[in-house]
Amino acid sequence: MALTRRNRLVELVTAHGFILREDDPYRWICFGGDPVLPNKSLDTEGVVIAIGTVLEILSPVLRTGWAVADVEMVHRMALQKVDGGSSPLTEDRFRSHAVQQHEASHRESV
């Protein structure tokens, strides 16, 4: 979707009091040009929840994901969390891997 249309979408969501859930698991797979910035990057009012998963990209068995949202929204989501069978061990391994990748990327940029 073009940037102007995505800006308008976020404006409408904000104006009407809706929440926009953005699920874009293939955003990082780009075959030319720069990846499109997520709608969450256009959000100044905390109305967009960006969710991600490694399910489609890394491994179907991990069943691990994340959400980027306003702090209050994250607290509300945590109150509703139902364990869908995700393994604490798998989640910890994924977290460790993500932290290592972030640190390695940071070291390369310094």
N, C-alpha and C. Protein backbone atom coordinates (compact mmCIF):
# COMPACT_ATOMS: atom_id res chain seq x y z
N MET A 1 0.85 -1.17 0.00
CA MET A 1 0.00 0.00 0.00
C MET A 1 0.90 1.24 0.00
N ALA A 2 0.55 2.22 -0.79
CA ALA A 2 1.34 3.44 -0.89
C ALA A 2 1.39 4.17 0.45
N LEU A 3 2.47 4.90 0.68
CA LEU A 3 2.66 5.62 1.93
C LEU A 3 1.51 6.58 2.21
N THR A 4 1.02 7.29 1.22
CA THR A 4 -0.09 8.23 1.45
C THR A 4 -1.35 7.49 1.92
N ARG A 5 -1.60 6.33 1.36
CA ARG A 5 -2.78 5.55 1.78
C ARG A 5 -2.59 4.98 3.19
N ARG A 6 -1.37 4.57 3.51
CA ARG A 6 -1.11 4.05 4.84
C ARG A 6 -1.23 5.16 5.89
N ASN A 7 -0.74 6.37 5.54
CA ASN A 7 -0.90 7.51 6.44
C ASN A 7 -2.38 7.79 6.68
N ARG A 8 -3.17 7.75 5.61
CA ARG A 8 -4.61 8.01 5.73
C ARG A 8 -5.28 6.93 6.58
N LEU A 9 -4.88 5.70 6.41
CA LEU A 9 -5.43 4.60 7.21
C LEU A 9 -5.19 4.85 8.70
N VAL A 10 -3.97 5.18 9.06
CA VAL A 10 -3.65 5.44 10.47
C VAL A 10 -4.43 6.65 10.98
N GLU A 11 -4.60 7.69 10.14
CA GLU A 11 -5.40 8.85 10.52
C GLU A 11 -6.85 8.46 10.81
N LEU A 12 -7.43 7.64 9.94
CA LEU A 12 -8.82 7.20 10.12
C LEU A 12 -8.98 6.35 11.37
N VAL A 13 -8.05 5.44 11.58
CA VAL A 13 -8.08 4.58 12.77
C VAL A 13 -8.04 5.45 14.03
N THR A 14 -7.16 6.44 14.02
CA THR A 14 -7.03 7.35 15.16
C THR A 14 -8.31 8.15 15.36
N ALA A 15 -8.84 8.72 14.28
CA ALA A 15 -10.03 9.58 14.36
C ALA A 15 -11.26 8.84 14.86
N HIS A 16 -11.37 7.56 14.53
CA HIS A 16 -12.57 6.80 14.88
C HIS A 16 -12.40 5.90 16.10
N GLY A 17 -11.23 5.98 16.75
CA GLY A 17 -11.03 5.23 17.98
C GLY A 17 -10.84 3.74 17.80
N PHE A 18 -10.36 3.32 16.64
CA PHE A 18 -10.11 1.92 16.39
C PHE A 18 -8.67 1.57 16.75
N ILE A 19 -8.39 0.28 16.75
CA ILE A 19 -7.03 -0.23 16.90
C ILE A 19 -6.70 -0.96 15.60
N LEU A 20 -5.51 -0.71 15.07
CA LEU A 20 -5.06 -1.37 13.86
C LEU A 20 -4.03 -2.43 14.23
N ARG A 21 -4.33 -3.67 13.91
CA ARG A 21 -3.39 -4.76 14.16
C ARG A 21 -2.64 -5.02 12.87
N GLU A 22 -1.34 -4.85 12.93
CA GLU A 22 -0.50 -5.02 11.74
C GLU A 22 0.28 -6.33 11.86
N ASP A 23 0.00 -7.24 10.94
CA ASP A 23 0.70 -8.52 10.91
C ASP A 23 1.36 -8.63 9.55
N ASP A 24 2.67 -8.48 9.52
CA ASP A 24 3.38 -8.47 8.25
C ASP A 24 4.63 -9.35 8.36
N PRO A 25 4.46 -10.67 8.37
CA PRO A 25 5.60 -11.56 8.61
C PRO A 25 6.64 -11.56 7.49
N TYR A 26 6.27 -11.10 6.31
CA TYR A 26 7.21 -11.16 5.19
C TYR A 26 7.86 -9.82 4.88
N ARG A 27 7.70 -8.84 5.76
CA ARG A 27 8.24 -7.50 5.52
C ARG A 27 9.75 -7.52 5.33
N TRP A 28 10.43 -8.41 6.01
CA TRP A 28 11.90 -8.44 5.95
C TRP A 28 12.43 -9.15 4.72
N ILE A 29 11.55 -9.81 3.98
CA ILE A 29 11.96 -10.48 2.75
C ILE A 29 11.72 -9.50 1.61
N CYS A 30 12.79 -8.96 1.08
CA CYS A 30 12.69 -7.91 0.07
C CYS A 30 13.54 -8.32 -1.14
N PHE A 31 12.96 -8.25 -2.32
CA PHE A 31 13.67 -8.68 -3.53
C PHE A 31 14.16 -7.50 -4.37
N GLY A 32 14.14 -6.34 -3.80
CA GLY A 32 14.62 -5.15 -4.51
C GLY A 32 14.16 -3.90 -3.80
N GLY A 33 15.02 -2.92 -3.71
CA GLY A 33 14.66 -1.69 -3.03
C GLY A 33 14.66 -1.87 -1.52
N ASP A 34 14.21 -0.85 -0.84
CA ASP A 34 14.16 -0.88 0.62
C ASP A 34 12.85 -1.49 1.09
N PRO A 35 12.88 -2.21 2.22
CA PRO A 35 11.63 -2.72 2.78
C PRO A 35 10.70 -1.55 3.15
N VAL A 36 9.40 -1.77 3.02
CA VAL A 36 8.41 -0.75 3.37
C VAL A 36 8.36 -0.64 4.89
N LEU A 37 8.39 0.58 5.39
CA LEU A 37 8.30 0.78 6.83
C LEU A 37 6.94 0.32 7.33
N PRO A 38 6.89 -0.21 8.54
CA PRO A 38 5.60 -0.68 9.07
C PRO A 38 4.67 0.49 9.40
N ASN A 39 3.37 0.20 9.43
CA ASN A 39 2.39 1.22 9.83
C ASN A 39 2.66 1.72 11.24
N LYS A 40 3.23 0.87 12.07
CA LYS A 40 3.55 1.28 13.45
C LYS A 40 4.48 2.49 13.45
N SER A 41 5.32 2.62 12.45
CA SER A 41 6.23 3.77 12.38
C SER A 41 5.49 5.08 12.10
N LEU A 42 4.26 4.99 11.63
CA LEU A 42 3.44 6.17 11.35
C LEU A 42 2.55 6.53 12.53
N ASP A 43 2.52 5.69 13.53
CA ASP A 43 1.60 5.81 14.66
C ASP A 43 2.16 6.76 15.72
N THR A 44 1.45 7.85 15.97
CA THR A 44 1.86 8.79 17.02
C THR A 44 0.92 8.77 18.22
N GLU A 45 -0.17 8.00 18.11
CA GLU A 45 -1.20 7.99 19.16
C GLU A 45 -1.35 6.63 19.86
N GLY A 46 -0.54 5.67 19.51
CA GLY A 46 -0.63 4.35 20.15
C GLY A 46 -1.80 3.52 19.68
N VAL A 47 -2.21 3.67 18.41
CA VAL A 47 -3.37 2.94 17.90
C VAL A 47 -3.00 1.74 17.03
N VAL A 48 -1.71 1.55 16.76
CA VAL A 48 -1.28 0.43 15.92
C VAL A 48 -0.54 -0.59 16.79
N ILE A 49 -0.96 -1.83 16.66
CA ILE A 49 -0.27 -2.94 17.30
C ILE A 49 0.43 -3.72 16.19
N ALA A 50 1.75 -3.73 16.21
CA ALA A 50 2.51 -4.50 15.22
C ALA A 50 2.85 -5.84 15.84
N ILE A 51 2.46 -6.91 15.17
CA ILE A 51 2.78 -8.23 15.68
C ILE A 51 3.70 -8.93 14.70
N GLY A 52 4.52 -9.79 15.22
CA GLY A 52 5.46 -10.52 14.39
C GLY A 52 5.61 -11.94 14.88
N THR A 53 6.17 -12.75 14.02
CA THR A 53 6.36 -14.15 14.37
C THR A 53 7.56 -14.70 13.60
N VAL A 54 8.17 -15.71 14.14
CA VAL A 54 9.22 -16.42 13.42
C VAL A 54 8.63 -17.67 12.77
N LEU A 55 7.36 -17.88 12.93
CA LEU A 55 6.70 -19.07 12.41
C LEU A 55 6.87 -19.21 10.91
N GLU A 56 6.58 -18.16 10.14
CA GLU A 56 6.63 -18.26 8.69
C GLU A 56 8.05 -18.17 8.15
N ILE A 57 8.94 -17.50 8.88
CA ILE A 57 10.27 -17.22 8.34
C ILE A 57 11.31 -18.22 8.80
N LEU A 58 11.41 -18.45 10.09
CA LEU A 58 12.51 -19.23 10.64
C LEU A 58 12.15 -20.71 10.79
N SER A 59 11.09 -20.98 11.52
CA SER A 59 10.76 -22.38 11.77
C SER A 59 9.31 -22.51 12.23
N PRO A 60 8.52 -23.32 11.56
CA PRO A 60 7.12 -23.50 11.95
C PRO A 60 6.94 -24.08 13.35
N VAL A 61 7.94 -24.74 13.89
CA VAL A 61 7.76 -25.39 15.19
C VAL A 61 8.00 -24.44 16.37
N LEU A 62 8.59 -23.28 16.12
CA LEU A 62 8.89 -22.38 17.25
C LEU A 62 7.64 -21.77 17.87
N ARG A 63 6.67 -21.40 17.07
CA ARG A 63 5.43 -20.80 17.56
C ARG A 63 5.71 -19.68 18.56
N THR A 64 6.63 -18.81 18.19
CA THR A 64 6.99 -17.70 19.06
C THR A 64 6.79 -16.40 18.29
N GLY A 65 6.22 -15.43 18.96
CA GLY A 65 5.98 -14.15 18.32
C GLY A 65 6.14 -13.01 19.30
N TRP A 66 5.83 -11.81 18.83
CA TRP A 66 5.97 -10.63 19.66
C TRP A 66 4.95 -9.59 19.22
N ALA A 67 4.79 -8.59 20.06
CA ALA A 67 3.91 -7.46 19.75
C ALA A 67 4.62 -6.17 20.13
N VAL A 68 4.46 -5.16 19.29
CA VAL A 68 4.98 -3.83 19.56
C VAL A 68 3.77 -2.92 19.64
N ALA A 69 3.56 -2.36 20.81
CA ALA A 69 2.37 -1.54 21.02
C ALA A 69 2.63 -0.53 22.13
N ASP A 70 1.67 0.36 22.29
CA ASP A 70 1.68 1.31 23.39
C ASP A 70 1.75 0.53 24.71
N VAL A 71 2.44 1.07 25.70
CA VAL A 71 2.64 0.36 26.97
C VAL A 71 1.31 -0.07 27.59
N GLU A 72 0.32 0.80 27.59
CA GLU A 72 -0.98 0.46 28.17
C GLU A 72 -1.62 -0.70 27.41
N MET A 73 -1.47 -0.70 26.09
CA MET A 73 -2.04 -1.78 25.29
C MET A 73 -1.34 -3.10 25.60
N VAL A 74 -0.04 -3.07 25.78
CA VAL A 74 0.70 -4.29 26.12
C VAL A 74 0.21 -4.84 27.45
N HIS A 75 -0.02 -3.97 28.43
CA HIS A 75 -0.53 -4.42 29.72
C HIS A 75 -1.91 -5.06 29.56
N ARG A 76 -2.77 -4.46 28.76
CA ARG A 76 -4.10 -5.02 28.53
C ARG A 76 -4.01 -6.37 27.82
N MET A 77 -3.09 -6.48 26.87
CA MET A 77 -2.92 -7.75 26.16
C MET A 77 -2.41 -8.83 27.12
N ALA A 78 -1.49 -8.46 28.00
CA ALA A 78 -0.93 -9.43 28.94
C ALA A 78 -2.01 -9.99 29.87
N LEU A 79 -2.97 -9.16 30.23
CA LEU A 79 -4.06 -9.63 31.08
C LEU A 79 -4.92 -10.68 30.38
N GLN A 80 -4.96 -10.64 29.06
CA GLN A 80 -5.78 -11.57 28.28
C GLN A 80 -5.00 -12.79 27.79
N LYS A 81 -3.70 -12.83 28.04
CA LYS A 81 -2.88 -13.91 27.49
C LYS A 81 -3.36 -15.27 27.96
N VAL A 82 -3.51 -16.12 27.00
CA VAL A 82 -3.84 -17.51 27.27
C VAL A 82 -2.70 -18.32 26.67
N ASP A 83 -2.11 -19.19 27.45
CA ASP A 83 -1.00 -19.98 26.95
C ASP A 83 -1.51 -20.96 25.91
N GLY A 84 -1.09 -20.75 24.69
CA GLY A 84 -1.52 -21.60 23.59
C GLY A 84 -0.59 -22.78 23.37
N GLY A 85 0.18 -23.12 24.38
CA GLY A 85 1.06 -24.27 24.24
C GLY A 85 2.48 -23.89 23.89
N SER A 86 2.82 -22.60 23.95
CA SER A 86 4.19 -22.23 23.64
C SER A 86 5.10 -22.67 24.78
N SER A 87 6.26 -23.13 24.40
CA SER A 87 7.21 -23.65 25.37
C SER A 87 8.09 -22.54 25.93
N PRO A 88 8.19 -22.42 27.25
CA PRO A 88 9.09 -21.42 27.83
C PRO A 88 10.54 -21.62 27.38
N LEU A 89 10.95 -22.87 27.18
CA LEU A 89 12.31 -23.14 26.72
C LEU A 89 12.52 -22.59 25.31
N THR A 90 11.56 -22.83 24.42
CA THR A 90 11.66 -22.32 23.05
C THR A 90 11.67 -20.80 23.05
N GLU A 91 10.80 -20.20 23.85
CA GLU A 91 10.76 -18.74 23.93
C GLU A 91 12.09 -18.18 24.44
N ASP A 92 12.68 -18.83 25.42
CA ASP A 92 13.95 -18.37 25.96
C ASP A 92 15.07 -18.51 24.92
N ARG A 93 15.08 -19.61 24.18
CA ARG A 93 16.11 -19.79 23.15
C ARG A 93 15.98 -18.73 22.06
N PHE A 94 14.73 -18.45 21.67
CA PHE A 94 14.50 -17.43 20.65
C PHE A 94 14.95 -16.06 21.17
N ARG A 95 14.62 -15.74 22.41
CA ARG A 95 15.02 -14.46 23.00
C ARG A 95 16.54 -14.35 23.01
N SER A 96 17.21 -15.41 23.42
CA SER A 96 18.68 -15.41 23.45
C SER A 96 19.26 -15.18 22.06
N HIS A 97 18.69 -15.85 21.07
CA HIS A 97 19.16 -15.69 19.69
C HIS A 97 18.94 -14.25 19.21
N ALA A 98 17.76 -13.69 19.49
CA ALA A 98 17.46 -12.32 19.07
C ALA A 98 18.40 -11.32 19.72
N VAL A 99 18.70 -11.50 21.00
CA VAL A 99 19.62 -10.60 21.69
C VAL A 99 21.01 -10.70 21.09
N GLN A 100 21.47 -11.91 20.82
CA GLN A 100 22.80 -12.10 20.21
C GLN A 100 22.87 -11.43 18.85
N GLN A 101 21.83 -11.58 18.04
CA GLN A 101 21.81 -10.96 16.71
C GLN A 101 21.82 -9.44 16.82
N HIS A 102 21.06 -8.91 17.78
CA HIS A 102 21.01 -7.45 17.97
C HIS A 102 22.39 -6.94 18.40
N GLU A 103 23.02 -7.64 19.33
CA GLU A 103 24.33 -7.21 19.80
C GLU A 103 25.36 -7.29 18.68
N ALA A 104 25.30 -8.34 17.88
CA ALA A 104 26.25 -8.48 16.76
C ALA A 104 26.03 -7.35 15.74
N SER A 105 24.79 -7.03 15.45
CA SER A 105 24.48 -5.95 14.52
C SER A 105 24.97 -4.61 15.06
N HIS A 106 24.80 -4.42 16.36
CA HIS A 106 25.25 -3.17 16.99
C HIS A 106 26.77 -3.06 16.91
N ARG A 107 27.48 -4.16 17.19
CA ARG A 107 28.95 -4.14 17.13
C ARG A 107 29.44 -3.79 15.73
N GLU A 108 28.76 -4.31 14.70
CA GLU A 108 29.16 -4.03 13.32
C GLU A 108 28.95 -2.55 12.96
N SER A 109 27.94 -1.93 13.58
CA SER A 109 27.64 -0.54 13.23
C SER A 109 28.52 0.45 13.98
N VAL A 110 29.25 -0.01 14.99
CA VAL A 110 30.08 0.90 15.78
C VAL A 110 31.44 1.05 15.18
